[in-house]
C-alpha atoms as a PDB file:
ATOM      1  CA  MET A   1      -8.449  18.171 -54.072  1.00  0.00           C
ATOM      2  CA  ASP A   2      -7.465  17.865 -50.330  1.00  0.00           C
ATOM      3  CA  ARG A   3      -7.837  20.674 -48.270  1.00  0.00           C
ATOM      4  CA  ALA A   4      -6.132  21.171 -44.781  1.00  0.00           C
ATOM      5  CA  ARG A   5      -8.193  20.859 -42.263  1.00  0.00           C
ATOM      6  CA  PRO A   6      -8.023  23.753 -39.501  1.00  0.00           C
ATOM      7  CA  LYS A   7      -6.333  22.585 -36.209  1.00  0.00           C
ATOM      8  CA  LYS A   8      -8.647  22.449 -33.379  1.00  0.00           C
ATOM      9  CA  ALA A   9      -7.711  23.541 -30.155  1.00  0.00           C
ATOM     10  CA  PRO A  10      -6.661  20.865 -27.973  1.00  0.00           C
ATOM     11  CA  LYS A  11      -9.935  20.364 -25.087  1.00  0.00           C
ATOM     12  CA  GLU A  12      -8.819  20.987 -21.447  1.00  0.00           C
ATOM     13  CA  SER A  13      -7.795  17.915 -20.399  1.00  0.00           C
ATOM     14  CA  HIS A  14      -9.585  16.566 -16.330  1.00  0.00           C
ATOM     15  CA  ARG A  15      -6.890  14.521 -16.248  1.00  0.00           C
ATOM     16  CA  VAL A  16      -6.629  13.391 -11.935  1.00  0.00           C
ATOM     17  CA  ALA A  17      -3.236  13.379 -11.265  1.00  0.00           C
ATOM     18  CA  THR A  18      -2.800  10.967  -8.849  1.00  0.00           C
ATOM     19  CA  SER A  19      -1.159   7.370  -8.584  1.00  0.00           C
ATOM     20  CA  GLY A  20      -2.092   3.840 -10.361  1.00  0.00           C
ATOM     21  CA  ASP A  21      -5.458   2.395  -7.947  1.00  0.00           C
ATOM     22  CA  ILE A  22      -5.984   5.253  -6.734  1.00  0.00           C
ATOM     23  CA  GLU A  23      -6.358   7.020 -10.334  1.00  0.00           C
ATOM     24  CA  VAL A  24      -8.653   5.041 -11.284  1.00  0.00           C
ATOM     25  CA  SER A  25     -10.606   5.048  -8.294  1.00  0.00           C
ATOM     26  CA  THR A  26     -11.000   8.493  -8.174  1.00  0.00           C
ATOM     27  CA  TYR A  27     -12.137   8.392 -12.437  1.00  0.00           C
ATOM     28  CA  LEU A  28     -15.081   5.596 -10.402  1.00  0.00           C
ATOM     29  CA  GLU A  29     -16.593   8.490  -8.728  1.00  0.00           C
ATOM     30  CA  ILE A  30     -16.611  11.273 -10.784  1.00  0.00           C
ATOM     31  CA  ALA A  31     -18.290   8.762 -13.232  1.00  0.00           C
ATOM     32  CA  LYS A  32     -20.618   7.681 -10.071  1.00  0.00           C
ATOM     33  CA  GLU A  33     -21.259  12.143  -8.925  1.00  0.00           C
ATOM     34  CA  ILE A  34     -22.254  12.635 -12.621  1.00  0.00           C
ATOM     35  CA  ALA A  35     -23.777   9.899 -13.273  1.00  0.00           C
ATOM     36  CA  GLY A  36     -26.274  11.422 -10.064  1.00  0.00           C
ATOM     37  CA  GLU A  37     -25.058   8.474  -7.576  1.00  0.00           C
ATOM     38  CA  LEU A  38     -23.987  10.127  -4.224  1.00  0.00           C
ATOM     39  CA  PRO A  39     -20.140   8.964  -3.093  1.00  0.00           C
ATOM     40  CA  ALA A  40     -19.967   6.354   0.140  1.00  0.00           C
ATOM     41  CA  PRO A  41     -20.080   8.279   3.539  1.00  0.00           C
ATOM     42  CA  PRO A  42     -15.992   7.958   5.014  1.00  0.00           C
ATOM     43  CA  LYS A  43     -15.746   5.572   7.274  1.00  0.00           C
ATOM     44  CA  LYS A  44     -15.213   6.251  10.678  1.00  0.00           C
ATOM     45  CA  ALA A  45     -11.413   7.063  11.684  1.00  0.00           C
ATOM     46  CA  VAL A  46      -9.624   4.576  13.524  1.00  0.00           C
ATOM     47  CA  SER A  47      -7.900   6.320  15.767  1.00  0.00           C
ATOM     48  CA  GLU A  48      -4.338   5.236  16.545  1.00  0.00           C
ATOM     49  CA  ALA A  49      -4.460   4.385  20.145  1.00  0.00           C
ATOM     50  CA  LYS A  50      -6.730   0.817  18.611  1.00  0.00           C
ATOM     51  CA  ARG A  51      -5.472   0.939  15.273  1.00  0.00           C
ATOM     52  CA  GLU A  52      -3.792  -2.429  14.778  1.00  0.00           C
ATOM     53  CA  ALA A  53      -1.384  -3.394  12.383  1.00  0.00           C
ATOM     54  CA  ILE A  54       0.203  -6.278  10.152  1.00  0.00           C
ATOM     55  CA  ILE A  55       4.137  -6.024  10.330  1.00  0.00           C
ATOM     56  CA  VAL A  56       5.560  -7.277   6.924  1.00  0.00           C
ATOM     57  CA  ILE A  57       9.678  -6.838   7.881  1.00  0.00           C
ATOM     58  CA  ASP A  58      11.602  -7.617   5.210  1.00  0.00           C
ATOM     59  CA  PHE A  59      14.984  -9.694   4.583  1.00  0.00           C
ATOM     60  CA  GLY A  60      15.482  -8.592   1.177  1.00  0.00           C
ATOM     61  CA  SER A  61      12.800 -10.098  -1.303  1.00  0.00           C
ATOM     62  CA  GLN A  62      11.577  -8.288  -4.125  1.00  0.00           C
ATOM     63  CA  TYR A  63       8.117  -8.934  -3.514  1.00  0.00           C
ATOM     64  CA  SER A  64       8.001  -6.897  -0.148  1.00  0.00           C
ATOM     65  CA  LEU A  65       6.468  -4.035  -1.465  1.00  0.00           C
ATOM     66  CA  LEU A  66       3.737  -6.357  -3.430  1.00  0.00           C
ATOM     67  CA  ILE A  67       3.183  -8.228  -0.157  1.00  0.00           C
ATOM     68  CA  ALA A  68       2.212  -4.839   1.543  1.00  0.00           C
ATOM     69  CA  ARG A  69       0.265  -3.744  -1.368  1.00  0.00           C
ATOM     70  CA  ARG A  70      -2.208  -6.568  -0.978  1.00  0.00           C
ATOM     71  CA  VAL A  71      -2.111  -6.742   2.393  1.00  0.00           C
ATOM     72  CA  ARG A  72      -3.938  -3.131   2.168  1.00  0.00           C
ATOM     73  CA  GLU A  73      -5.741  -3.529  -0.643  1.00  0.00           C
ATOM     74  CA  CYS A  74      -7.453  -5.683   1.510  1.00  0.00           C
ATOM     75  CA  GLN A  75      -8.478  -2.838   3.970  1.00  0.00           C
ATOM     76  CA  VAL A  76      -5.854  -3.509   6.717  1.00  0.00           C
ATOM     77  CA  TYR A  77      -3.369  -1.456   8.199  1.00  0.00           C
ATOM     78  CA  CYS A  78       0.904  -2.331   6.414  1.00  0.00           C
ATOM     79  CA  GLU A  79       3.646  -1.359   8.111  1.00  0.00           C
ATOM     80  CA  LEU A  80       6.786  -2.676   6.016  1.00  0.00           C
ATOM     81  CA  VAL A  81       9.928  -3.090   8.088  1.00  0.00           C
ATOM     82  CA  PRO A  82      13.621  -4.129   7.459  1.00  0.00           C
ATOM     83  CA  HIS A  83      14.009  -7.095   9.700  1.00  0.00           C
ATOM     84  CA  ASP A  84      16.465  -5.138  12.169  1.00  0.00           C
ATOM     85  CA  THR A  85      14.183  -2.483  13.082  1.00  0.00           C
ATOM     86  CA  PRO A  86      14.109  -2.219  17.140  1.00  0.00           C
ATOM     87  CA  TRP A  87      10.925  -3.493  18.449  1.00  0.00           C
ATOM     88  CA  GLU A  88      10.662  -0.129  20.527  1.00  0.00           C
ATOM     89  CA  LYS A  89       9.541   0.741  16.819  1.00  0.00           C
ATOM     90  CA  ILE A  90       6.937  -1.535  16.016  1.00  0.00           C
ATOM     91  CA  ALA A  91       5.613  -1.991  19.512  1.00  0.00           C
ATOM     92  CA  GLN A  92       3.743   1.372  19.084  1.00  0.00           C
ATOM     93  CA  LEU A  93       2.131  -0.241  16.131  1.00  0.00           C
ATOM     94  CA  ASN A  94       0.139  -2.426  18.268  1.00  0.00           C
ATOM     95  CA  PRO A  95       0.852  -5.754  15.875  1.00  0.00           C
ATOM     96  CA  LYS A  96      -1.803  -8.574  15.561  1.00  0.00           C
ATOM     97  CA  GLY A  97       0.754 -10.262  12.739  1.00  0.00           C
ATOM     98  CA  PHE A  98       3.994 -10.356  11.211  1.00  0.00           C
ATOM     99  CA  ILE A  99       4.782 -11.087   6.932  1.00  0.00           C
ATOM    100  CA  LEU A 100       7.996 -12.417   7.125  1.00  0.00           C
ATOM    101  CA  SER A 101       9.557 -11.434   3.295  1.00  0.00           C
ATOM    102  CA  GLY A 102      12.424 -13.568   2.473  1.00  0.00           C
ATOM    103  CA  GLY A 103      15.644 -12.597   1.050  1.00  0.00           C
ATOM    104  CA  PRO A 104      18.577 -13.876  -1.639  1.00  0.00           C
ATOM    105  CA  ALA A 105      20.159 -15.247   1.139  1.00  0.00           C
ATOM    106  CA  SER A 106      19.619 -18.997   2.185  1.00  0.00           C
ATOM    107  CA  VAL A 107      18.056 -20.119   5.527  1.00  0.00           C
ATOM    108  CA  TYR A 108      20.725 -21.992   5.536  1.00  0.00           C
ATOM    109  CA  ASP A 109      23.551 -19.362   5.211  1.00  0.00           C
ATOM    110  CA  ARG A 110      26.102 -19.252   8.306  1.00  0.00           C
ATOM    111  CA  GLN A 111      24.999 -15.326   7.772  1.00  0.00           C
ATOM    112  CA  ALA A 112      21.371 -15.307   6.896  1.00  0.00           C
ATOM    113  CA  PRO A 113      19.608 -12.544   8.758  1.00  0.00           C
ATOM    114  CA  LEU A 114      17.758 -14.338  11.617  1.00  0.00           C
ATOM    115  CA  ALA A 115      13.864 -13.621  12.345  1.00  0.00           C
ATOM    116  CA  PRO A 116      14.065 -10.623  15.381  1.00  0.00           C
ATOM    117  CA  ALA A 117      12.902 -12.393  19.048  1.00  0.00           C
ATOM    118  CA  TYR A 118      10.165  -9.844  19.338  1.00  0.00           C
ATOM    119  CA  ILE A 119       8.795 -12.119  16.723  1.00  0.00           C
ATOM    120  CA  TYR A 120       8.221 -15.033  18.651  1.00  0.00           C
ATOM    121  CA  GLU A 121       7.332 -13.754  21.712  1.00  0.00           C
ATOM    122  CA  SER A 122       4.375 -11.053  20.903  1.00  0.00           C
END
């Protein structure tokens, strides 16, 4: 005879509601705390005045977000901006370098967007 088993109440979920890599990192920190390891002390914040950035200039590429994420994974501050962003907005970020992320337009097309002059001047 097959008896129906009584349903058990669902266990409380300890899921952390964050995204992707941050979620995995959070679970790892929780596991280390449970194991008795102390978390690493937080890194000293860099003031806005001293921060240097890598600027990813997006010309319509489908990989721009991936490029920016990979740069950030290397612990480098990175901003993703459209190709027509004026220098006034870029200068505030104290750029250390630029990554040009191409788009679907051929560089030989007459209507192809050009890299801003400030890239070559800075």
